[in-house]
Amino acid sequence: MNSKWLRRGAILLVLLFFLFFHFPVIQIQTDQHTYFLNDDSFTLSWTHSVEKEKWYEKYKNQNGELILTETYFKTFGAGVPAEGKDTEVEDGFVRMEINRQMDELNVVVSENVQTTIETSSKDIPLYQMVEPYSEVNITTRNIHLWNIFGGEFL
């Protein structure tokens, strides 16, 4: 076979790779920027505005779906899920298994509650990245390789 045809075939394969291959990511959208997480899971933490106690929700990207896997809180009150599969007390926190698929997560961020995303490698203080009381949208996406250049990895 002619080497010219082999080069054309290789170029075609690379182009097809760029067109059809997608990377599953967790996308964080603010008013100003789009960010992507390298991790498949994260914990959203904040201080509850009424009870002044830390609250944690664990999420994961499972097959392109955002799943709320579990939540940790200290006292039952405003915002506590009505039902969970497994509930136990762990280190002073009530841990509740949820496993609920979420289309998206919209969070109003404030320094007062110190909204933070925690990953396996770092903490990302959302309240320092946006104006007070800004909304942050968190979703899963399958992006093409060239979409990576439209956002920043955290």
N, C-alpha and C. Protein backbone atom coordinates (compact mmCIF):
# COMPACT_ATOMS: atom_id res chain seq x y z
N MET A 1 0.84 -1.17 0.00
CA MET A 1 0.00 0.00 0.00
C MET A 1 0.89 1.24 0.00
N ASN A 2 0.46 2.26 -0.66
CA ASN A 2 1.18 3.50 -0.79
C ASN A 2 1.26 4.22 0.56
N SER A 3 2.45 4.78 0.90
CA SER A 3 2.62 5.47 2.19
C SER A 3 1.75 6.73 2.26
N LYS A 4 1.45 7.31 1.10
CA LYS A 4 0.57 8.48 1.08
C LYS A 4 -0.82 8.11 1.60
N TRP A 5 -1.33 6.94 1.22
CA TRP A 5 -2.64 6.49 1.69
C TRP A 5 -2.61 6.13 3.16
N LEU A 6 -1.49 5.58 3.63
CA LEU A 6 -1.35 5.27 5.05
C LEU A 6 -1.39 6.55 5.89
N ARG A 7 -0.69 7.60 5.43
CA ARG A 7 -0.71 8.89 6.14
C ARG A 7 -2.12 9.46 6.17
N ARG A 8 -2.82 9.39 5.03
CA ARG A 8 -4.20 9.90 4.98
C ARG A 8 -5.11 9.11 5.92
N GLY A 9 -4.92 7.79 5.95
CA GLY A 9 -5.71 6.95 6.85
C GLY A 9 -5.42 7.28 8.31
N ALA A 10 -4.16 7.53 8.64
CA ALA A 10 -3.79 7.88 10.02
C ALA A 10 -4.40 9.24 10.39
N ILE A 11 -4.36 10.18 9.48
CA ILE A 11 -4.94 11.50 9.74
C ILE A 11 -6.45 11.37 9.94
N LEU A 12 -7.08 10.55 9.11
CA LEU A 12 -8.52 10.33 9.25
C LEU A 12 -8.85 9.70 10.61
N LEU A 13 -8.06 8.75 11.05
CA LEU A 13 -8.29 8.13 12.36
C LEU A 13 -8.14 9.15 13.49
N VAL A 14 -7.15 10.01 13.40
CA VAL A 14 -6.96 11.05 14.42
C VAL A 14 -8.16 12.00 14.42
N LEU A 15 -8.61 12.40 13.25
CA LEU A 15 -9.77 13.28 13.17
C LEU A 15 -11.02 12.62 13.74
N LEU A 16 -11.22 11.35 13.43
CA LEU A 16 -12.37 10.63 13.98
C LEU A 16 -12.26 10.54 15.50
N PHE A 17 -11.06 10.33 16.02
CA PHE A 17 -10.84 10.30 17.46
C PHE A 17 -11.29 11.62 18.08
N PHE A 18 -10.88 12.75 17.50
CA PHE A 18 -11.25 14.06 18.02
C PHE A 18 -12.75 14.32 17.90
N LEU A 19 -13.38 13.79 16.87
CA LEU A 19 -14.81 14.02 16.68
C LEU A 19 -15.69 13.17 17.59
N PHE A 20 -15.29 11.93 17.83
CA PHE A 20 -16.19 11.00 18.51
C PHE A 20 -15.80 10.67 19.95
N PHE A 21 -14.55 10.88 20.33
CA PHE A 21 -14.13 10.55 21.68
C PHE A 21 -14.49 11.69 22.63
N HIS A 22 -15.13 11.34 23.74
CA HIS A 22 -15.53 12.33 24.73
C HIS A 22 -14.87 12.01 26.07
N PHE A 23 -14.63 13.05 26.85
CA PHE A 23 -14.08 12.90 28.19
C PHE A 23 -15.18 13.22 29.19
N PRO A 24 -15.49 12.32 30.10
CA PRO A 24 -16.49 12.64 31.13
C PRO A 24 -15.85 13.53 32.19
N VAL A 25 -16.48 14.65 32.48
CA VAL A 25 -15.95 15.59 33.47
C VAL A 25 -17.10 16.12 34.33
N ILE A 26 -16.73 16.67 35.46
CA ILE A 26 -17.65 17.45 36.28
C ILE A 26 -17.39 18.90 35.94
N GLN A 27 -18.43 19.61 35.52
CA GLN A 27 -18.30 21.00 35.10
C GLN A 27 -18.84 21.92 36.19
N ILE A 28 -18.08 22.97 36.48
CA ILE A 28 -18.50 23.99 37.43
C ILE A 28 -18.61 25.29 36.66
N GLN A 29 -19.81 25.82 36.57
CA GLN A 29 -20.08 27.03 35.79
C GLN A 29 -20.40 28.19 36.72
N THR A 30 -19.62 29.28 36.61
CA THR A 30 -19.92 30.50 37.34
C THR A 30 -20.37 31.55 36.33
N ASP A 31 -20.68 32.74 36.79
CA ASP A 31 -21.06 33.81 35.86
C ASP A 31 -19.94 34.13 34.88
N GLN A 32 -18.71 33.97 35.32
CA GLN A 32 -17.57 34.42 34.53
C GLN A 32 -16.76 33.29 33.87
N HIS A 33 -16.77 32.09 34.47
CA HIS A 33 -15.85 31.05 34.02
C HIS A 33 -16.50 29.68 34.00
N THR A 34 -15.87 28.80 33.23
CA THR A 34 -16.21 27.38 33.22
C THR A 34 -14.98 26.62 33.71
N TYR A 35 -15.20 25.76 34.70
CA TYR A 35 -14.12 24.96 35.26
C TYR A 35 -14.49 23.49 35.13
N PHE A 36 -13.47 22.64 35.09
CA PHE A 36 -13.66 21.20 35.05
C PHE A 36 -12.88 20.58 36.20
N LEU A 37 -13.44 19.54 36.80
CA LEU A 37 -12.74 18.79 37.83
C LEU A 37 -12.07 17.57 37.21
N ASN A 38 -10.84 17.30 37.62
CA ASN A 38 -10.15 16.10 37.19
C ASN A 38 -10.69 14.86 37.89
N ASP A 39 -11.29 15.05 39.05
CA ASP A 39 -11.79 13.94 39.86
C ASP A 39 -13.16 13.48 39.38
N ASP A 40 -13.49 12.22 39.68
CA ASP A 40 -14.82 11.69 39.38
C ASP A 40 -15.79 11.92 40.53
N SER A 41 -15.29 12.44 41.64
CA SER A 41 -16.16 12.69 42.79
C SER A 41 -15.68 13.92 43.54
N PHE A 42 -16.58 14.48 44.34
CA PHE A 42 -16.24 15.64 45.16
C PHE A 42 -17.22 15.71 46.32
N THR A 43 -16.83 16.49 47.31
CA THR A 43 -17.70 16.77 48.45
C THR A 43 -17.99 18.26 48.45
N LEU A 44 -19.25 18.60 48.55
CA LEU A 44 -19.66 20.00 48.68
C LEU A 44 -19.85 20.24 50.18
N SER A 45 -19.17 21.24 50.72
CA SER A 45 -19.31 21.52 52.15
C SER A 45 -19.66 22.98 52.36
N TRP A 46 -20.38 23.24 53.44
CA TRP A 46 -20.74 24.59 53.83
C TRP A 46 -21.16 24.57 55.29
N THR A 47 -21.32 25.75 55.86
CA THR A 47 -21.84 25.88 57.21
C THR A 47 -23.31 26.24 57.10
N HIS A 48 -24.16 25.43 57.73
CA HIS A 48 -25.60 25.65 57.66
C HIS A 48 -25.92 27.03 58.24
N SER A 49 -26.74 27.80 57.52
CA SER A 49 -27.00 29.19 57.89
C SER A 49 -27.80 29.35 59.18
N VAL A 50 -28.60 28.36 59.55
CA VAL A 50 -29.40 28.46 60.77
C VAL A 50 -28.70 27.78 61.94
N GLU A 51 -28.27 26.54 61.72
CA GLU A 51 -27.70 25.76 62.81
C GLU A 51 -26.22 26.04 63.05
N LYS A 52 -25.56 26.71 62.12
CA LYS A 52 -24.14 27.06 62.22
C LYS A 52 -23.25 25.83 62.38
N GLU A 53 -23.64 24.73 61.78
CA GLU A 53 -22.88 23.49 61.80
C GLU A 53 -22.45 23.14 60.38
N LYS A 54 -21.31 22.43 60.25
CA LYS A 54 -20.84 22.00 58.94
C LYS A 54 -21.80 20.97 58.36
N TRP A 55 -21.93 21.00 57.05
CA TRP A 55 -22.78 20.08 56.30
C TRP A 55 -21.94 19.61 55.11
N TYR A 56 -22.03 18.33 54.80
CA TYR A 56 -21.25 17.76 53.70
C TYR A 56 -22.18 16.92 52.82
N GLU A 57 -22.05 17.08 51.50
CA GLU A 57 -22.75 16.23 50.54
C GLU A 57 -21.71 15.67 49.59
N LYS A 58 -21.72 14.36 49.41
CA LYS A 58 -20.77 13.71 48.52
C LYS A 58 -21.45 13.38 47.19
N TYR A 59 -20.77 13.74 46.11
CA TYR A 59 -21.28 13.52 44.76
C TYR A 59 -20.26 12.74 43.94
N LYS A 60 -20.76 12.02 42.92
CA LYS A 60 -19.84 11.37 41.99
C LYS A 60 -20.42 11.42 40.58
N ASN A 61 -19.53 11.37 39.63
CA ASN A 61 -19.89 11.28 38.22
C ASN A 61 -19.90 9.80 37.88
N GLN A 62 -21.09 9.24 37.72
CA GLN A 62 -21.23 7.82 37.41
C GLN A 62 -21.91 7.67 36.07
N ASN A 63 -21.15 7.24 35.08
CA ASN A 63 -21.67 7.05 33.72
C ASN A 63 -22.33 8.32 33.19
N GLY A 64 -21.72 9.46 33.46
CA GLY A 64 -22.23 10.72 32.94
C GLY A 64 -23.38 11.31 33.74
N GLU A 65 -23.69 10.72 34.89
CA GLU A 65 -24.76 11.26 35.74
C GLU A 65 -24.17 11.73 37.06
N LEU A 66 -24.67 12.85 37.55
CA LEU A 66 -24.27 13.37 38.84
C LEU A 66 -25.10 12.69 39.91
N ILE A 67 -24.45 11.97 40.81
CA ILE A 67 -25.14 11.20 41.84
C ILE A 67 -24.78 11.76 43.22
N LEU A 68 -25.81 12.15 43.99
CA LEU A 68 -25.62 12.49 45.40
C LEU A 68 -25.57 11.17 46.14
N THR A 69 -24.39 10.79 46.63
CA THR A 69 -24.23 9.47 47.24
C THR A 69 -24.58 9.47 48.72
N GLU A 70 -24.14 10.50 49.45
CA GLU A 70 -24.43 10.56 50.87
C GLU A 70 -24.29 11.97 51.40
N THR A 71 -24.83 12.20 52.56
CA THR A 71 -24.77 13.50 53.19
C THR A 71 -24.43 13.32 54.67
N TYR A 72 -23.72 14.29 55.23
CA TYR A 72 -23.34 14.29 56.64
C TYR A 72 -23.80 15.60 57.26
N PHE A 73 -24.45 15.53 58.41
CA PHE A 73 -24.90 16.72 59.11
C PHE A 73 -24.97 16.39 60.59
N LYS A 74 -25.03 17.43 61.43
CA LYS A 74 -25.00 17.20 62.88
C LYS A 74 -26.39 17.13 63.51
N THR A 75 -27.32 17.92 63.01
CA THR A 75 -28.66 17.93 63.63
C THR A 75 -29.72 17.90 62.55
N PHE A 76 -30.85 17.30 62.86
CA PHE A 76 -31.98 17.31 61.94
C PHE A 76 -32.63 18.68 62.01
N GLY A 77 -32.89 19.26 60.85
CA GLY A 77 -33.51 20.57 60.78
C GLY A 77 -33.80 20.92 59.34
N ALA A 78 -33.81 22.22 59.06
CA ALA A 78 -34.12 22.70 57.71
C ALA A 78 -33.14 22.12 56.70
N GLY A 79 -33.69 21.54 55.63
CA GLY A 79 -32.88 21.04 54.53
C GLY A 79 -32.46 19.59 54.64
N VAL A 80 -32.79 18.93 55.73
CA VAL A 80 -32.41 17.53 55.90
C VAL A 80 -33.26 16.66 54.97
N PRO A 81 -32.62 15.72 54.25
CA PRO A 81 -33.40 14.84 53.38
C PRO A 81 -34.47 14.07 54.17
N ALA A 82 -35.59 13.86 53.54
CA ALA A 82 -36.71 13.18 54.20
C ALA A 82 -36.46 11.68 54.33
N GLU A 83 -35.67 11.13 53.44
CA GLU A 83 -35.43 9.70 53.50
C GLU A 83 -34.04 9.37 53.00
N GLY A 84 -33.47 8.35 53.57
CA GLY A 84 -32.17 7.85 53.17
C GLY A 84 -32.15 6.35 53.35
N LYS A 85 -31.26 5.67 52.63
CA LYS A 85 -31.22 4.21 52.69
C LYS A 85 -30.57 3.72 53.98
N ASP A 86 -29.39 4.20 54.26
CA ASP A 86 -28.65 3.81 55.46
C ASP A 86 -28.40 5.08 56.26
N THR A 87 -28.73 5.07 57.53
CA THR A 87 -28.48 6.22 58.37
C THR A 87 -27.75 5.74 59.61
N GLU A 88 -26.64 6.41 59.93
CA GLU A 88 -25.88 6.07 61.12
C GLU A 88 -25.16 7.30 61.64
N VAL A 89 -24.74 7.25 62.88
CA VAL A 89 -23.96 8.33 63.47
C VAL A 89 -22.49 7.95 63.35
N GLU A 90 -21.69 8.90 62.82
CA GLU A 90 -20.28 8.65 62.57
C GLU A 90 -19.50 9.91 62.96
N ASP A 91 -18.66 9.84 63.99
CA ASP A 91 -17.85 10.97 64.45
C ASP A 91 -18.69 12.21 64.75
N GLY A 92 -19.84 12.04 65.37
CA GLY A 92 -20.70 13.16 65.73
C GLY A 92 -21.60 13.66 64.61
N PHE A 93 -21.49 13.07 63.43
CA PHE A 93 -22.32 13.45 62.29
C PHE A 93 -23.32 12.34 61.98
N VAL A 94 -24.50 12.74 61.55
CA VAL A 94 -25.45 11.77 61.01
C VAL A 94 -25.06 11.57 59.56
N ARG A 95 -24.75 10.33 59.19
CA ARG A 95 -24.42 10.01 57.79
C ARG A 95 -25.64 9.32 57.20
N MET A 96 -26.09 9.87 56.07
CA MET A 96 -27.26 9.31 55.42
C MET A 96 -26.90 8.97 53.97
N GLU A 97 -27.09 7.70 53.59
CA GLU A 97 -26.88 7.27 52.21
C GLU A 97 -28.09 7.71 51.40
N ILE A 98 -27.82 8.37 50.27
CA ILE A 98 -28.91 8.92 49.45
C ILE A 98 -28.99 8.22 48.09
N ASN A 99 -27.91 8.24 47.31
CA ASN A 99 -27.85 7.68 45.95
C ASN A 99 -28.98 8.19 45.06
N ARG A 100 -29.03 9.50 44.91
CA ARG A 100 -30.05 10.16 44.09
C ARG A 100 -29.39 10.81 42.87
N GLN A 101 -29.92 10.52 41.69
CA GLN A 101 -29.41 11.12 40.47
C GLN A 101 -29.89 12.56 40.41
N MET A 102 -28.96 13.47 40.10
CA MET A 102 -29.26 14.90 40.01
C MET A 102 -28.95 15.35 38.58
N ASP A 103 -29.88 16.06 37.94
CA ASP A 103 -29.59 16.60 36.62
C ASP A 103 -28.52 17.68 36.69
N GLU A 104 -28.61 18.48 37.73
CA GLU A 104 -27.63 19.53 37.96
C GLU A 104 -27.74 19.96 39.41
N LEU A 105 -26.74 20.70 39.84
CA LEU A 105 -26.72 21.21 41.20
C LEU A 105 -26.51 22.72 41.11
N ASN A 106 -27.44 23.49 41.62
CA ASN A 106 -27.32 24.94 41.63
C ASN A 106 -27.13 25.39 43.07
N VAL A 107 -26.02 26.07 43.31
CA VAL A 107 -25.64 26.45 44.66
C VAL A 107 -25.43 27.96 44.71
N VAL A 108 -26.07 28.61 45.67
CA VAL A 108 -25.80 30.02 45.91
C VAL A 108 -24.64 30.08 46.90
N VAL A 109 -23.57 30.74 46.50
CA VAL A 109 -22.31 30.73 47.22
C VAL A 109 -22.15 32.00 48.03
N SER A 110 -21.66 31.82 49.26
CA SER A 110 -21.49 32.96 50.15
C SER A 110 -20.30 32.73 51.06
N GLU A 111 -19.60 33.80 51.38
CA GLU A 111 -18.51 33.71 52.35
C GLU A 111 -19.06 33.39 53.73
N ASN A 112 -20.30 33.80 54.00
CA ASN A 112 -20.91 33.52 55.29
C ASN A 112 -20.98 32.03 55.60
N VAL A 113 -21.23 31.22 54.58
CA VAL A 113 -21.34 29.78 54.79
C VAL A 113 -20.12 29.02 54.27
N GLN A 114 -19.20 29.75 53.63
CA GLN A 114 -17.92 29.21 53.14
C GLN A 114 -18.10 27.96 52.29
N THR A 115 -18.88 28.10 51.24
CA THR A 115 -19.15 27.01 50.31
C THR A 115 -17.85 26.55 49.66
N THR A 116 -17.54 25.26 49.78
CA THR A 116 -16.26 24.72 49.32
C THR A 116 -16.49 23.38 48.63
N ILE A 117 -15.71 23.14 47.57
CA ILE A 117 -15.67 21.83 46.93
C ILE A 117 -14.38 21.16 47.39
N GLU A 118 -14.51 19.95 47.90
CA GLU A 118 -13.36 19.18 48.36
C GLU A 118 -13.18 18.00 47.43
N THR A 119 -11.96 17.85 46.90
CA THR A 119 -11.64 16.70 46.05
C THR A 119 -10.59 15.86 46.76
N SER A 120 -10.17 14.79 46.13
CA SER A 120 -9.15 13.93 46.73
C SER A 120 -7.80 14.64 46.87
N SER A 121 -7.59 15.68 46.07
CA SER A 121 -6.28 16.33 46.10
C SER A 121 -6.29 17.76 46.63
N LYS A 122 -7.47 18.42 46.73
CA LYS A 122 -7.46 19.81 47.19
C LYS A 122 -8.85 20.28 47.57
N ASP A 123 -8.87 21.40 48.26
CA ASP A 123 -10.12 22.10 48.58
C ASP A 123 -10.22 23.32 47.67
N ILE A 124 -11.41 23.55 47.13
CA ILE A 124 -11.65 24.66 46.22
C ILE A 124 -12.70 25.57 46.86
N PRO A 125 -12.27 26.69 47.46
CA PRO A 125 -13.22 27.58 48.12
C PRO A 125 -14.01 28.40 47.10
N LEU A 126 -15.21 27.91 46.74
CA LEU A 126 -16.04 28.60 45.74
C LEU A 126 -16.32 30.04 46.16
N TYR A 127 -16.50 30.28 47.44
CA TYR A 127 -16.85 31.60 47.94
C TYR A 127 -15.74 32.63 47.69
N GLN A 128 -14.53 32.17 47.40
CA GLN A 128 -13.44 33.09 47.05
C GLN A 128 -13.32 33.30 45.55
N MET A 129 -14.05 32.53 44.77
CA MET A 129 -13.94 32.59 43.31
C MET A 129 -15.03 33.44 42.66
N VAL A 130 -16.10 33.73 43.39
CA VAL A 130 -17.23 34.45 42.82
C VAL A 130 -17.68 35.56 43.76
N GLU A 131 -18.51 36.43 43.24
CA GLU A 131 -19.10 37.49 44.06
C GLU A 131 -20.06 36.87 45.08
N PRO A 132 -20.21 37.51 46.25
CA PRO A 132 -21.14 36.98 47.25
C PRO A 132 -22.55 36.78 46.67
N TYR A 133 -23.14 35.67 47.03
CA TYR A 133 -24.51 35.29 46.64
C TYR A 133 -24.65 35.03 45.14
N SER A 134 -23.55 34.66 44.51
CA SER A 134 -23.59 34.22 43.11
C SER A 134 -24.04 32.78 43.05
N GLU A 135 -24.66 32.43 41.93
CA GLU A 135 -25.08 31.04 41.72
C GLU A 135 -24.00 30.31 40.94
N VAL A 136 -23.70 29.11 41.39
CA VAL A 136 -22.75 28.23 40.72
C VAL A 136 -23.52 26.98 40.30
N ASN A 137 -23.34 26.59 39.04
CA ASN A 137 -24.02 25.43 38.48
C ASN A 137 -23.01 24.30 38.33
N ILE A 138 -23.34 23.12 38.84
CA ILE A 138 -22.46 21.96 38.76
C ILE A 138 -23.21 20.86 38.02
N THR A 139 -22.59 20.35 36.96
CA THR A 139 -23.19 19.29 36.14
C THR A 139 -22.10 18.31 35.71
N THR A 140 -22.51 17.23 35.09
CA THR A 140 -21.56 16.36 34.41
C THR A 140 -21.69 16.62 32.92
N ARG A 141 -20.59 16.46 32.23
CA ARG A 141 -20.59 16.63 30.78
C ARG A 141 -19.63 15.66 30.17
N ASN A 142 -19.91 15.29 28.95
CA ASN A 142 -18.95 14.58 28.12
C ASN A 142 -18.46 15.59 27.10
N ILE A 143 -17.19 15.94 27.20
CA ILE A 143 -16.67 16.99 26.34
C ILE A 143 -15.69 16.42 25.32
N HIS A 144 -15.65 17.08 24.17
CA HIS A 144 -14.65 16.77 23.17
C HIS A 144 -13.31 17.33 23.63
N LEU A 145 -12.26 16.80 23.08
CA LEU A 145 -10.92 17.23 23.46
C LEU A 145 -10.76 18.74 23.30
N TRP A 146 -11.32 19.32 22.23
CA TRP A 146 -11.14 20.75 22.00
C TRP A 146 -11.93 21.61 23.00
N ASN A 147 -12.96 21.03 23.64
CA ASN A 147 -13.71 21.78 24.67
C ASN A 147 -12.88 22.04 25.92
N ILE A 148 -11.85 21.25 26.11
CA ILE A 148 -10.98 21.44 27.27
C ILE A 148 -10.39 22.85 27.24
N PHE A 149 -10.18 23.38 26.07
CA PHE A 149 -9.57 24.71 25.96
C PHE A 149 -10.58 25.82 26.30
N GLY A 150 -11.87 25.49 26.42
CA GLY A 150 -12.88 26.47 26.78
C GLY A 150 -13.10 26.57 28.27
N GLY A 151 -12.36 25.81 29.05
CA GLY A 151 -12.50 25.84 30.50
C GLY A 151 -11.17 25.58 31.16
N GLU A 152 -11.16 25.71 32.46
CA GLU A 152 -9.94 25.54 33.24
C GLU A 152 -10.11 24.36 34.18
N PHE A 153 -9.10 23.49 34.25
CA PHE A 153 -9.17 22.37 35.18
C PHE A 153 -8.74 22.83 36.56
N LEU A 154 -9.53 22.44 37.56
CA LEU A 154 -9.21 22.77 38.95
C LEU A 154 -8.48 21.62 39.60
